[in-house]
Amino acid sequence: WPDPPPPAVYVDKWESDLPAWPGRNLGRGARPGDPLGFVFVGTRWAVRESLREAGWTSVPVAVRASLGEGARELLSGRRLTAFPPMNDYRLRGRRQDMNWAIAVRPVAERHHFRLWHAGTRDKSGRDLWWGSGNYDLSVRWRDLSHRPDPDADKERDFIVATLTGSPRVERVTYVDAPQVPRDGANDKGYPFRTDGRVAVIELR
């Protein structure tokens, strides 16, 4: 299950908190993982409903729960959407709070991303959620990892595109984040590149 959320700290605006966030999460072996790509500003309910309505599937954080959901999908003849499990990544010592995916080819290819509660709320009571995602192209069976598209910005922009026109979205802003590396490799050795901008998705 997700780790307990950090105590909430209230800020005047999300802009005042963004510079203090890490530019990357931590993956296997506590090695630097994927770069920050986007931020949701909204309550947990608003985040979940906006993504569900945009066609995203919630993938359980617990591996056992994801395996169970995958088994239920297979037994009912449904397409695999909540399987395979997503590895734990850490932000400030905490596992992700949410996993989301859109399957393209079952098991091998999918859009997916993770969200962490940042422990920050704005004056309206909206939570801030740190996110990173990538597009899985294929499976590397020797270590059960997925080979991602190195262009991390494409997945960031895809996530924004799925929410375009949603009545739940108040505003989307692209913000420069100097702490985000423009290129590098993640914890599994896969390369990535980004323009260093973060998409801030504000929900009503």
Protein backbone atom coordinates (compact mmCIF):
# COMPACT_ATOMS: atom_id res chain seq x y z
CA TRP A 1 0.00 0.00 0.00
CA PRO A 2 1.11 3.60 -0.39
CA ASP A 3 3.18 5.07 2.40
CA PRO A 4 1.39 7.47 4.78
CA PRO A 5 1.21 10.95 3.23
CA PRO A 6 3.57 13.57 4.64
CA PRO A 7 2.11 16.28 6.87
CA ALA A 8 0.47 18.98 4.79
CA VAL A 9 2.25 22.32 4.47
CA TYR A 10 0.19 25.22 3.12
CA VAL A 11 1.68 27.60 0.55
CA ASP A 12 0.31 30.73 -1.07
CA LYS A 13 0.88 29.35 -4.56
CA TRP A 14 2.32 26.14 -5.98
CA GLU A 15 5.07 28.19 -7.65
CA SER A 16 6.66 28.84 -4.26
CA ASP A 17 7.14 25.13 -3.59
CA LEU A 18 8.27 23.82 -6.98
CA PRO A 19 11.94 24.95 -6.77
CA ALA A 20 12.45 22.86 -3.62
CA TRP A 21 11.40 19.59 -5.21
CA PRO A 22 13.93 17.04 -6.47
CA GLY A 23 14.44 16.86 -10.22
CA ARG A 24 14.31 13.05 -10.26
CA ASN A 25 12.98 10.15 -8.27
CA LEU A 26 15.02 7.17 -7.04
CA GLY A 27 14.65 3.74 -8.59
CA ARG A 28 16.23 0.33 -8.15
CA GLY A 29 19.13 0.25 -5.73
CA ALA A 30 18.34 3.86 -4.72
CA ARG A 31 19.86 4.99 -8.01
CA PRO A 32 18.60 8.17 -9.73
CA GLY A 33 15.52 7.28 -11.72
CA ASP A 34 13.21 9.22 -14.02
CA PRO A 35 13.00 13.01 -14.34
CA LEU A 36 10.16 15.14 -13.02
CA GLY A 37 7.77 15.90 -15.86
CA PHE A 38 4.50 17.24 -14.51
CA VAL A 39 2.59 18.35 -11.43
CA PHE A 40 -1.09 17.94 -10.61
CA VAL A 41 -2.71 20.54 -8.37
CA GLY A 42 -5.95 19.15 -6.99
CA THR A 43 -7.57 16.95 -4.38
CA ARG A 44 -6.98 13.21 -4.55
CA TRP A 45 -10.56 12.74 -5.71
CA ALA A 46 -10.22 15.34 -8.48
CA VAL A 47 -6.98 13.78 -9.71
CA ARG A 48 -8.46 10.28 -9.79
CA GLU A 49 -11.70 11.33 -11.49
CA SER A 50 -10.01 13.50 -14.11
CA LEU A 51 -7.65 10.68 -15.09
CA ARG A 52 -10.34 8.00 -15.06
CA GLU A 53 -12.54 10.11 -17.33
CA ALA A 54 -9.55 10.68 -19.64
CA GLY A 55 -9.15 6.93 -20.19
CA TRP A 56 -6.38 6.14 -17.71
CA THR A 57 -6.43 2.94 -15.63
CA SER A 58 -5.33 2.95 -12.00
CA VAL A 59 -2.61 0.32 -11.50
CA PRO A 60 -2.41 -0.86 -7.87
CA VAL A 61 0.68 0.27 -6.01
CA ALA A 62 1.05 -3.12 -4.30
CA VAL A 63 2.50 -5.76 -6.64
CA ARG A 64 0.22 -8.50 -5.26
CA ALA A 65 -2.85 -6.36 -5.90
CA SER A 66 -1.71 -5.69 -9.47
CA LEU A 67 -1.17 -9.41 -10.07
CA GLY A 68 -4.63 -10.11 -8.69
CA GLU A 69 -6.25 -7.49 -10.89
CA GLY A 70 -4.43 -8.89 -13.93
CA ALA A 71 -5.69 -12.38 -13.12
CA ARG A 72 -9.26 -11.09 -12.84
CA GLU A 73 -8.96 -9.34 -16.20
CA LEU A 74 -7.72 -12.54 -17.86
CA LEU A 75 -10.39 -14.75 -16.26
CA SER A 76 -13.16 -12.38 -17.35
CA GLY A 77 -11.80 -12.13 -20.88
CA ARG A 78 -10.98 -8.46 -20.54
CA ARG A 79 -7.93 -6.78 -22.00
CA LEU A 80 -5.00 -6.43 -19.61
CA THR A 81 -4.90 -2.83 -18.39
CA ALA A 82 -3.88 -2.91 -14.70
CA PHE A 83 -1.04 -5.38 -15.31
CA PRO A 84 1.97 -5.73 -15.28
CA PRO A 85 2.84 -4.20 -11.90
CA MET A 86 4.79 -0.95 -11.72
CA ASN A 87 8.01 -0.94 -9.71
CA ASP A 88 8.36 1.11 -6.56
CA TYR A 89 10.14 4.41 -7.05
CA ARG A 90 10.92 6.79 -4.22
CA LEU A 91 10.57 10.50 -3.75
CA ARG A 92 11.89 11.95 -0.51
CA GLY A 93 11.96 8.43 0.88
CA ARG A 94 8.33 7.58 -0.03
CA ARG A 95 6.90 5.20 -2.56
CA GLN A 96 4.52 6.58 -5.17
CA ASP A 97 0.92 7.16 -4.08
CA MET A 98 -0.69 6.40 -7.44
CA ASN A 99 0.10 4.52 -10.65
CA TRP A 100 -1.71 5.20 -13.93
CA ALA A 101 -1.49 3.52 -17.32
CA ILE A 102 -3.00 3.23 -20.79
CA ALA A 103 -2.18 -0.13 -22.36
CA VAL A 104 -1.19 -0.23 -26.04
CA ARG A 105 0.12 -3.81 -26.35
CA PRO A 106 -0.66 -5.93 -23.28
CA VAL A 107 2.39 -6.38 -21.01
CA ALA A 108 4.90 -4.94 -23.49
CA GLU A 109 3.81 -1.44 -24.50
CA ARG A 110 1.99 1.25 -22.53
CA HIS A 111 1.76 4.86 -21.44
CA HIS A 112 2.29 5.07 -17.71
CA PHE A 113 3.22 7.40 -14.88
CA ARG A 114 3.56 7.65 -11.11
CA LEU A 115 2.33 10.34 -8.72
CA TRP A 116 3.64 11.27 -5.28
CA HIS A 117 1.84 13.46 -2.76
CA ALA A 118 4.21 16.38 -2.27
CA GLY A 119 2.96 17.20 1.23
CA THR A 120 1.91 20.66 0.07
CA ARG A 121 -1.49 22.32 -0.32
CA ASP A 122 -2.49 25.68 -1.70
CA LYS A 123 -4.92 28.07 -0.03
CA SER A 124 -7.85 26.41 -1.80
CA GLY A 125 -6.98 23.09 -0.15
CA ARG A 126 -5.71 21.50 -3.35
CA ASP A 127 -2.89 19.00 -2.93
CA LEU A 128 0.25 19.08 -5.04
CA TRP A 129 1.29 15.84 -6.75
CA TRP A 130 4.74 15.29 -8.24
CA GLY A 131 4.75 13.07 -11.33
CA SER A 132 7.06 11.26 -13.70
CA GLY A 133 6.16 9.05 -16.61
CA ASN A 134 7.37 7.43 -19.78
CA TYR A 135 6.18 5.38 -22.70
CA ASP A 136 7.20 1.72 -22.52
CA LEU A 137 8.21 0.38 -25.92
CA SER A 138 9.12 -3.23 -25.10
CA VAL A 139 10.15 -5.62 -22.34
CA ARG A 140 13.76 -6.43 -21.37
CA TRP A 141 13.18 -9.91 -19.98
CA ARG A 142 16.58 -10.40 -18.36
CA ASP A 143 15.69 -7.97 -15.57
CA LEU A 144 11.92 -7.64 -16.13
CA SER A 145 12.18 -3.99 -17.03
CA HIS A 146 10.59 -2.00 -19.85
CA ARG A 147 12.54 -0.08 -22.47
CA PRO A 148 11.12 3.45 -22.47
CA ASP A 149 11.03 6.02 -25.24
CA PRO A 150 13.99 8.28 -24.42
CA ASP A 151 11.94 11.40 -25.25
CA ALA A 152 10.33 12.00 -21.85
CA ASP A 153 8.62 15.17 -23.10
CA LYS A 154 6.42 13.15 -25.47
CA GLU A 155 4.84 11.32 -22.56
CA ARG A 156 4.45 14.53 -20.56
CA ASP A 157 2.66 16.13 -23.49
CA PHE A 158 0.56 13.00 -24.10
CA ILE A 159 -0.72 13.15 -20.52
CA VAL A 160 -1.66 16.80 -21.01
CA ALA A 161 -3.35 16.00 -24.33
CA THR A 162 -5.57 13.33 -22.76
CA LEU A 163 -6.88 15.95 -20.33
CA THR A 164 -7.39 18.70 -22.90
CA GLY A 165 -11.00 19.79 -22.91
CA SER A 166 -11.78 18.16 -19.56
CA PRO A 167 -14.21 20.29 -17.51
CA ARG A 168 -12.14 19.37 -14.45
CA VAL A 169 -9.01 21.12 -15.77
CA GLU A 170 -8.72 24.77 -14.84
CA ARG A 171 -5.36 25.57 -16.42
CA VAL A 172 -2.17 23.97 -17.76
CA THR A 173 1.11 25.85 -17.46
CA TYR A 174 4.58 24.84 -18.64
CA VAL A 175 7.25 25.95 -16.17
CA ASP A 176 11.04 25.79 -16.40
CA ALA A 177 12.49 23.57 -13.66
CA PRO A 178 16.29 24.01 -13.45
CA GLN A 179 16.66 21.01 -11.14
CA VAL A 180 15.42 18.61 -13.86
CA PRO A 181 18.36 17.19 -15.86
CA ARG A 182 18.07 17.72 -19.61
CA ASP A 183 19.49 14.29 -20.38
CA GLY A 184 20.91 11.26 -18.65
CA ALA A 185 20.11 7.63 -17.85
CA ASN A 186 17.69 6.19 -15.32
CA ASP A 187 18.28 3.54 -12.69
CA LYS A 188 18.13 0.74 -15.26
CA GLY A 189 20.53 2.44 -17.64
CA TYR A 190 17.94 3.63 -20.15
CA PRO A 191 18.64 7.07 -21.62
CA PHE A 192 16.25 10.00 -21.39
CA ARG A 193 16.10 13.57 -22.63
CA THR A 194 13.82 16.48 -21.78
CA ASP A 195 13.61 20.23 -22.27
CA GLY A 196 13.44 20.66 -18.48
CA ARG A 197 9.93 22.09 -18.44
CA VAL A 198 7.28 20.83 -16.06
CA ALA A 199 3.60 20.74 -17.04
CA VAL A 200 1.50 22.01 -14.12
CA ILE A 201 -2.07 20.73 -14.42
CA GLU A 202 -4.41 22.67 -12.14
CA LEU A 203 -7.76 21.05 -11.42
CA ARG A 204 -10.97 22.68 -10.27
